[in-house]
Protein backbone atom coordinates (compact mmCIF):
# COMPACT_ATOMS: atom_id res chain seq x y z
CA MET A 1 258.86 -40.63 158.17
CA ARG A 2 255.49 -40.42 156.40
CA VAL A 3 255.60 -41.61 152.79
CA LEU A 4 253.86 -39.40 150.24
CA ASN A 5 252.37 -40.97 147.15
CA HIS A 6 253.89 -39.43 144.05
CA HIS A 7 254.35 -39.84 140.31
CA ARG A 8 257.85 -39.62 138.87
CA ALA A 9 258.76 -39.07 135.22
CA GLY A 10 261.50 -37.73 132.99
CA SER A 11 265.11 -36.76 133.58
CA GLY A 12 267.02 -33.58 134.21
CA GLU A 13 266.93 -31.11 137.06
CA PRO A 14 264.29 -32.08 139.65
CA LEU A 15 260.90 -30.36 139.54
CA VAL A 16 258.30 -30.94 142.26
CA LEU A 17 254.63 -30.26 141.41
CA VAL A 18 252.17 -29.51 144.22
CA HIS A 19 248.37 -29.55 143.88
CA GLY A 20 245.75 -27.45 145.65
CA VAL A 21 243.20 -28.22 148.34
CA GLY A 22 240.90 -31.11 147.47
CA SER A 23 243.07 -32.14 144.54
CA ARG A 24 245.71 -34.77 143.72
CA TRP A 25 248.87 -35.19 141.66
CA GLN A 26 246.89 -36.07 138.52
CA VAL A 27 245.81 -32.43 138.14
CA TRP A 28 249.25 -31.95 136.53
CA GLU A 29 248.78 -34.71 133.93
CA PRO A 30 248.09 -32.30 131.04
CA VAL A 31 251.59 -30.82 131.41
CA ILE A 32 253.73 -33.67 132.80
CA ASP A 33 254.78 -35.25 129.50
CA ARG A 34 256.08 -31.96 128.18
CA LEU A 35 257.84 -31.10 131.42
CA ALA A 36 259.40 -34.56 131.63
CA GLY A 37 261.40 -33.77 128.52
CA SER A 38 263.42 -31.21 130.51
CA PHE A 39 262.96 -32.15 134.18
CA GLU A 40 262.88 -35.11 136.49
CA VAL A 41 259.30 -34.54 137.60
CA TYR A 42 257.88 -35.44 141.00
CA ALA A 43 254.11 -34.84 141.17
CA VAL A 44 253.10 -35.30 144.81
CA ASP A 45 249.90 -36.16 146.69
CA LEU A 46 249.98 -34.07 149.87
CA PRO A 47 249.00 -35.82 153.13
CA GLY A 48 245.24 -36.39 153.23
CA PHE A 49 244.84 -35.98 149.47
CA GLY A 50 244.93 -38.44 146.60
CA GLU A 51 246.53 -41.64 147.84
CA SER A 52 248.65 -40.15 150.64
CA GLU A 53 247.61 -40.97 154.19
CA PRO A 54 246.18 -38.09 156.24
CA LEU A 55 247.90 -36.42 159.15
CA ALA A 56 246.41 -36.15 162.62
CA ASN A 57 246.23 -32.39 162.05
CA THR A 58 246.13 -30.79 158.61
CA THR A 59 246.98 -27.15 158.12
CA VAL A 60 248.74 -25.34 155.29
CA ASP A 61 251.83 -24.91 157.48
CA ILE A 62 251.90 -28.59 158.45
CA LEU A 63 251.51 -29.63 154.82
CA THR A 64 254.43 -27.34 153.99
CA ASP A 65 256.54 -29.11 156.61
CA ALA A 66 255.48 -32.49 155.19
CA LEU A 67 256.61 -31.48 151.71
CA ALA A 68 259.92 -30.20 153.09
CA ALA A 69 260.42 -33.64 154.65
CA PHE A 70 259.63 -35.24 151.28
CA LEU A 71 262.37 -33.16 149.63
CA THR A 72 264.86 -34.30 152.26
CA GLU A 73 263.76 -37.93 152.01
CA HIS A 74 264.33 -37.97 148.26
CA GLY A 75 267.58 -36.03 148.34
CA LEU A 76 266.06 -33.09 146.47
CA ASP A 77 268.36 -30.23 147.38
CA ALA A 78 266.77 -26.98 146.18
CA PRO A 79 264.69 -28.38 143.29
CA HIS A 80 262.46 -26.33 141.03
CA LEU A 81 259.01 -26.08 142.61
CA ALA A 82 255.60 -25.40 141.06
CA GLY A 83 252.26 -25.27 142.85
CA ASN A 84 248.64 -24.41 142.26
CA SER A 85 246.31 -22.65 144.72
CA MET A 86 247.16 -23.97 148.22
CA GLY A 87 250.14 -25.65 146.60
CA GLY A 88 251.19 -22.26 145.23
CA LEU A 89 251.58 -20.81 148.71
CA ILE A 90 253.28 -23.98 149.91
CA VAL A 91 255.99 -23.76 147.24
CA LEU A 92 256.47 -20.03 147.82
CA ASN A 93 256.97 -20.67 151.53
CA LEU A 94 259.39 -23.52 150.85
CA ALA A 95 261.35 -21.18 148.59
CA ALA A 96 261.33 -18.57 151.36
CA ARG A 97 263.07 -21.20 153.52
CA GLY A 98 265.80 -21.53 150.90
CA LEU A 99 264.56 -24.90 149.65
CA ALA A 100 264.03 -24.08 145.96
CA ARG A 101 266.09 -23.21 142.91
CA SER A 102 263.08 -21.56 141.30
CA VAL A 103 259.37 -21.39 142.04
CA THR A 104 256.24 -21.07 139.92
CA ALA A 105 252.91 -20.40 141.61
CA PHE A 106 249.62 -20.67 139.72
CA SER A 107 246.83 -18.70 141.45
CA PRO A 108 248.37 -19.06 144.92
CA ILE A 109 246.30 -18.56 148.03
CA GLY A 110 247.28 -15.92 150.56
CA PHE A 111 247.00 -12.75 148.47
CA TRP A 112 243.40 -12.08 149.40
CA ALA A 113 241.59 -9.54 151.53
CA THR A 114 239.36 -11.02 154.23
CA ALA A 115 236.33 -11.03 151.94
CA GLY A 116 238.25 -12.91 149.27
CA ARG A 117 239.41 -15.54 151.74
CA VAL A 118 235.91 -16.04 153.11
CA TRP A 119 234.52 -16.35 149.56
CA CYS A 120 237.13 -19.00 148.75
CA GLN A 121 236.45 -21.01 151.91
CA GLN A 122 232.68 -20.79 151.71
CA SER A 123 232.38 -21.46 147.99
CA LEU A 124 234.68 -24.51 148.14
CA GLY A 125 233.04 -25.79 151.31
CA GLN A 126 229.54 -25.40 149.91
CA SER A 127 230.58 -27.01 146.62
CA ALA A 128 231.90 -30.06 148.48
CA ARG A 129 228.73 -30.34 150.54
CA LEU A 130 226.58 -30.09 147.41
CA GLY A 131 228.76 -32.68 145.74
CA ARG A 132 228.21 -35.14 148.58
CA ILE A 133 224.45 -34.66 148.34
CA MET A 134 224.50 -35.12 144.57
CA ARG A 135 227.13 -37.85 144.50
CA PRO A 136 224.95 -40.66 143.02
CA ALA A 137 224.00 -38.39 140.12
CA LEU A 138 227.42 -36.83 139.51
CA PRO A 139 228.63 -39.26 136.81
CA ALA A 140 225.56 -38.57 134.68
CA ILE A 141 225.59 -34.82 135.29
CA LEU A 142 229.30 -34.42 134.55
CA ARG A 143 229.06 -36.37 131.32
CA THR A 144 227.37 -33.33 129.78
CA PRO A 145 229.03 -30.00 128.90
CA ALA A 146 226.17 -28.16 130.60
CA GLY A 147 226.62 -30.16 133.80
CA ARG A 148 230.36 -29.54 133.84
CA THR A 149 229.81 -25.84 133.27
CA ALA A 150 227.28 -25.63 136.08
CA LEU A 151 229.33 -27.52 138.66
CA LEU A 152 232.98 -26.81 137.83
CA SER A 153 233.21 -23.24 136.51
CA LEU A 154 234.45 -22.26 139.97
CA VAL A 155 237.79 -23.90 139.15
CA PHE A 156 237.95 -24.38 135.35
CA GLY A 157 237.91 -21.52 132.88
CA ARG A 158 236.51 -23.82 130.19
CA ALA A 159 234.65 -26.38 132.28
CA TRP A 160 232.50 -27.50 129.34
CA ALA A 161 235.62 -28.61 127.45
CA ALA A 162 236.97 -30.88 130.22
CA SER A 163 236.28 -34.59 129.84
CA GLY A 164 233.64 -36.22 131.98
CA GLU A 165 236.34 -38.38 133.55
CA VAL A 166 238.44 -35.36 134.56
CA ALA A 167 235.37 -33.53 135.84
CA LEU A 168 234.27 -36.44 138.01
CA ALA A 169 237.76 -36.97 139.41
CA THR A 170 237.97 -33.25 140.23
CA ALA A 171 234.65 -33.30 142.07
CA LEU A 172 235.44 -36.49 143.98
CA GLY A 173 238.82 -35.11 145.02
CA ALA A 174 237.16 -32.50 147.20
CA ILE A 175 234.41 -34.84 148.40
CA ASP A 176 236.68 -37.73 149.38
CA SER A 177 239.88 -36.07 150.63
CA PRO A 178 240.13 -36.36 154.44
CA GLY A 179 242.49 -33.39 154.41
CA PHE A 180 240.08 -31.09 152.57
CA ALA A 181 238.02 -29.64 155.44
CA PRO A 182 240.85 -29.05 157.95
CA ALA A 183 243.19 -27.63 155.31
CA LEU A 184 240.45 -25.30 154.04
CA ALA A 185 239.72 -24.14 157.59
CA SER A 186 243.42 -23.35 158.09
CA PHE A 187 243.31 -20.79 155.28
CA ASP A 188 242.43 -18.32 158.07
CA ARG A 189 246.07 -18.53 159.15
CA ALA A 190 247.82 -19.08 155.81
CA ARG A 191 250.45 -16.41 155.15
CA LEU A 192 253.37 -15.81 152.82
CA GLN A 193 256.49 -16.17 154.95
CA ASP A 194 259.02 -14.32 152.83
CA SER A 195 262.41 -13.95 154.46
CA GLY A 196 263.88 -12.06 151.50
CA ARG A 197 265.06 -15.22 149.73
CA LEU A 198 262.30 -15.00 147.12
CA ALA A 199 263.99 -11.96 145.61
CA ARG A 200 267.16 -14.03 145.03
CA ILE A 201 265.71 -16.77 142.81
CA PRO A 202 263.48 -16.82 139.71
CA VAL A 203 259.85 -16.57 140.85
CA THR A 204 256.82 -16.58 138.59
CA VAL A 205 253.23 -15.98 139.66
CA ALA A 206 250.68 -16.86 136.96
CA TRP A 207 246.96 -16.16 137.20
CA GLY A 208 244.12 -17.17 134.89
CA ASN A 209 241.97 -14.19 133.98
CA ARG A 210 238.89 -16.42 134.38
CA ASP A 211 239.79 -17.35 137.95
CA ILE A 212 236.65 -16.61 139.95
CA LEU A 213 237.69 -18.55 143.05
CA LEU A 214 240.78 -16.46 143.81
CA THR A 215 239.62 -13.50 141.79
CA HIS A 216 242.25 -12.58 139.24
CA ALA A 217 242.33 -8.78 139.23
CA PRO A 218 242.58 -7.88 142.94
CA GLN A 219 244.61 -10.88 144.10
CA SER A 220 247.16 -10.81 141.28
CA ARG A 221 247.57 -7.10 141.98
CA ARG A 222 248.38 -7.84 145.63
CA ALA A 223 250.82 -10.52 144.54
CA ARG A 224 252.61 -7.97 142.33
CA ALA A 225 252.87 -5.56 145.26
CA ARG A 226 254.10 -8.23 147.70
CA LEU A 227 256.56 -9.84 145.25
CA PRO A 228 257.80 -6.96 143.09
CA GLU A 229 260.91 -8.84 141.92
CA ALA A 230 258.86 -11.76 140.55
CA ARG A 231 257.62 -12.30 137.01
CA HIS A 232 253.83 -11.91 136.97
CA LEU A 233 251.78 -13.40 134.13
CA THR A 234 248.14 -13.51 133.11
CA LEU A 235 246.83 -16.69 131.47
CA PRO A 236 244.05 -15.60 129.07
CA GLY A 237 240.98 -17.83 129.14
CA SER A 238 242.19 -19.94 132.05
CA GLY A 239 240.52 -20.49 135.38
CA HIS A 240 241.76 -21.33 138.86
CA ILE A 241 243.12 -24.73 137.78
CA PRO A 242 244.60 -23.72 134.41
CA PHE A 243 246.25 -26.97 133.29
CA TYR A 244 243.17 -28.30 131.49
CA ASP A 245 242.32 -24.89 130.05
CA ASP A 246 245.71 -24.20 128.44
CA PRO A 247 248.25 -26.97 129.10
CA GLY A 248 250.76 -25.74 126.51
CA ARG A 249 250.93 -22.26 128.00
CA CYS A 250 251.18 -23.63 131.56
CA ALA A 251 254.04 -25.95 130.59
CA ASP A 252 255.84 -23.05 128.88
CA VAL A 253 255.55 -20.93 132.03
CA ILE A 254 257.41 -23.60 134.02
CA LEU A 255 259.94 -24.35 131.27
CA ASP A 256 260.81 -20.65 131.12
CA GLN A 257 261.98 -20.92 134.73
CA LEU A 258 264.64 -23.42 133.70
CA ALA A 259 265.86 -20.94 131.10
CA ALA A 260 265.82 -18.14 133.71
CA VAL A 261 268.01 -20.17 136.08
CA ASP A 262 270.45 -21.06 133.29
CA ARG A 263 270.96 -17.45 132.23
């Protein structure tokens, strides 16, 4: 069984946090301390990202299977799940298999029209290629608010306010992840696989209104139509990765799921 690198904190009902393409578990750091007061938190590096070894073949569906195996390995029977972007679709599809007590998806992939998917793939792919070309200069560029705004507004709603350290780690995540290119290519085939189980558990879909990667208005509207029983929220001022933009609000969104299950 392949071991996935992960960070564990807190106590309570288990909560598994899943990052997006080109990211790593640390993207959840702004919210982990607050969540750890109510949950036993598992923040996972998917295969081929962060410090987890890559798979021979990396697609969204295969990554979903790998996370299902992680849940089994750690005895996590229907934990709470939360995911961002690619991780958002992964946790929704795990919940559709009956493997979640609740699910929270921040700007999940899969609710796009063809043009939106192509924009996502091309903009992320081109950003990674540009990052590789500019790599020697990235530390200096990302130390400045203007540099962060220029290079990271695709994913952060307030890129200028992120620290240089966070900005550099975000850029290098896409550049260095061996799973990035094949996972991104597999977005062509990524689909919500709802078997009806999602209507039986608390589901929240949250979207930053500054998300320009998975554009907020049309894609959140499709999510509302596809998941009419879910709670749908807009995160004002937040971008595609909202945890640095508004960590308190993002933590509250997940904590509200615990309350929803307990009611």
